Amino acid sequence: MPAETIAPYPYTVYTRPGCPYSARAKSILDAAEVPYEEFSLDGAPVPQELVDRSGIRTVPQIFDATGLFLGDSEAIELLLLGDLFARADGCDAAGPDHREAARAFVDMCGGWGAP
């Protein structure tokens, strides 16, 4: 998706059935009540177009509405936690301090670990 194109959802998530990391990413977005569009790759390999955009061959792959690759489930956790900390401070968007607070919170809770 070209950077100037705006998607109908704020996030697009590429997943695979049975993948615990895909399930984790979706559950994070669902818990935060963030709308997203999901594309399930089923048993197919990650398409080369996605590999070219993200640089990885694994799922989940999460993109924002402009097509910017955000990362995997850990990246989206930091993004959403940073946004929550920003909202608690009365800000519209998370800045570096909010992301650092999110990272410290995750570390305090025992790190990422497998879902």
Protein backbone atom coordinates (compact mmCIF):
# COMPACT_ATOMS: atom_id res chain seq x y z
CA MET A 1 0.00 0.00 0.00
CA PRO A 2 1.59 3.35 -0.98
CA ALA A 3 2.34 5.70 1.93
CA GLU A 4 -0.16 8.31 0.68
CA THR A 5 -3.05 5.83 0.71
CA ILE A 6 -5.21 5.84 3.81
CA ALA A 7 -6.73 2.49 4.71
CA PRO A 8 -10.26 2.20 6.16
CA TYR A 9 -8.81 0.76 9.41
CA PRO A 10 -6.03 2.25 11.54
CA TYR A 11 -4.11 -1.05 11.43
CA THR A 12 -3.75 -4.00 9.09
CA VAL A 13 -2.62 -7.27 10.65
CA TYR A 14 -1.31 -10.25 8.70
CA THR A 15 -1.73 -13.44 10.70
CA ARG A 16 -1.63 -17.21 10.49
CA PRO A 17 -4.16 -19.55 12.12
CA GLY A 18 -2.69 -21.39 15.10
CA CYS A 19 0.18 -18.92 15.50
CA PRO A 20 0.37 -17.88 19.18
CA TYR A 21 2.05 -14.57 18.27
CA SER A 22 -0.72 -13.74 15.80
CA ALA A 23 -3.31 -14.55 18.47
CA ARG A 24 -1.44 -12.35 20.95
CA ALA A 25 -1.30 -9.38 18.59
CA LYS A 26 -5.01 -9.67 17.82
CA SER A 27 -5.93 -10.02 21.49
CA ILE A 28 -3.93 -6.87 22.31
CA LEU A 29 -5.73 -4.89 19.62
CA ASP A 30 -9.10 -6.35 20.65
CA ALA A 31 -8.51 -5.56 24.34
CA ALA A 32 -7.61 -1.98 23.44
CA GLU A 33 -10.72 -1.84 21.22
CA VAL A 34 -8.59 -0.77 18.26
CA PRO A 35 -10.23 -1.55 14.91
CA TYR A 36 -8.07 -3.44 12.45
CA GLU A 37 -8.33 -5.40 9.25
CA GLU A 38 -6.98 -8.93 9.37
CA PHE A 39 -5.54 -10.91 6.51
CA SER A 40 -5.01 -14.56 7.36
CA LEU A 41 -2.24 -16.22 5.38
CA ASP A 42 -3.61 -19.67 6.26
CA GLY A 43 -0.94 -22.19 5.24
CA ALA A 44 0.66 -20.00 2.58
CA PRO A 45 4.16 -18.59 3.02
CA VAL A 46 4.47 -14.86 3.72
CA PRO A 47 4.13 -13.18 0.30
CA GLN A 48 7.28 -11.59 -1.08
CA GLU A 49 5.50 -8.20 -1.20
CA LEU A 50 5.17 -8.29 2.60
CA VAL A 51 8.76 -9.42 3.03
CA ASP A 52 9.86 -6.49 0.85
CA ARG A 53 7.80 -4.06 2.95
CA SER A 54 8.70 -5.41 6.39
CA GLY A 55 12.01 -7.18 5.99
CA ILE A 56 10.73 -10.27 7.83
CA ARG A 57 9.16 -13.59 6.83
CA THR A 58 7.18 -14.22 10.01
CA VAL A 59 3.75 -13.24 11.32
CA PRO A 60 2.14 -11.27 12.72
CA GLN A 61 3.00 -8.28 10.61
CA ILE A 62 1.30 -5.06 11.63
CA PHE A 63 1.03 -1.96 9.45
CA ASP A 64 -0.56 1.40 10.16
CA ALA A 65 -3.06 3.11 7.85
CA THR A 66 -0.31 4.68 5.76
CA GLY A 67 1.34 1.31 5.14
CA LEU A 68 4.20 1.90 7.61
CA PHE A 69 5.43 -1.40 9.10
CA LEU A 70 5.07 -1.23 12.88
CA GLY A 71 6.42 -4.64 13.77
CA ASP A 72 5.07 -7.67 15.53
CA SER A 73 3.06 -8.22 18.70
CA GLU A 74 5.77 -6.74 20.94
CA ALA A 75 5.87 -3.56 18.88
CA ILE A 76 2.11 -3.13 19.02
CA GLU A 77 2.12 -3.69 22.79
CA LEU A 78 4.62 -0.86 23.20
CA LEU A 79 2.67 1.35 20.82
CA LEU A 80 -0.63 0.81 22.64
CA LEU A 81 0.89 1.02 26.11
CA GLY A 82 2.65 4.23 25.10
CA ASP A 83 -0.67 5.63 23.87
CA LEU A 84 -2.34 4.65 27.16
CA PHE A 85 0.38 6.42 29.15
CA ALA A 86 0.04 9.47 26.89
CA ARG A 87 -3.74 9.60 27.37
CA ALA A 88 -3.25 9.35 31.14
CA ASP A 89 -1.00 12.42 30.86
CA GLY A 90 -3.62 14.24 28.76
CA CYS A 91 -1.60 14.02 25.52
CA ASP A 92 -2.96 13.23 22.06
CA ALA A 93 -0.05 11.03 21.01
CA ALA A 94 2.70 9.07 22.71
CA GLY A 95 6.14 10.60 22.75
CA PRO A 96 9.50 8.99 23.56
CA ASP A 97 8.93 9.34 27.33
CA HIS A 98 5.64 7.45 27.07
CA ARG A 99 7.26 4.67 25.06
CA GLU A 100 10.04 4.42 27.65
CA ALA A 101 7.41 4.25 30.41
CA ALA A 102 5.69 1.47 28.47
CA ARG A 103 8.96 -0.44 28.07
CA ALA A 104 9.72 -0.06 31.81
CA PHE A 105 6.22 -1.32 32.61
CA VAL A 106 6.69 -4.40 30.41
CA ASP A 107 10.09 -5.07 32.01
CA MET A 108 8.57 -4.71 35.48
CA CYS A 109 5.94 -7.31 34.52
CA GLY A 110 8.58 -9.86 33.58
CA GLY A 111 9.32 -9.01 29.96
CA TRP A 112 7.73 -10.37 26.84
CA GLY A 113 7.96 -14.13 27.00
CA ALA A 114 5.96 -16.42 24.76
CA PRO A 115 2.18 -16.00 24.76
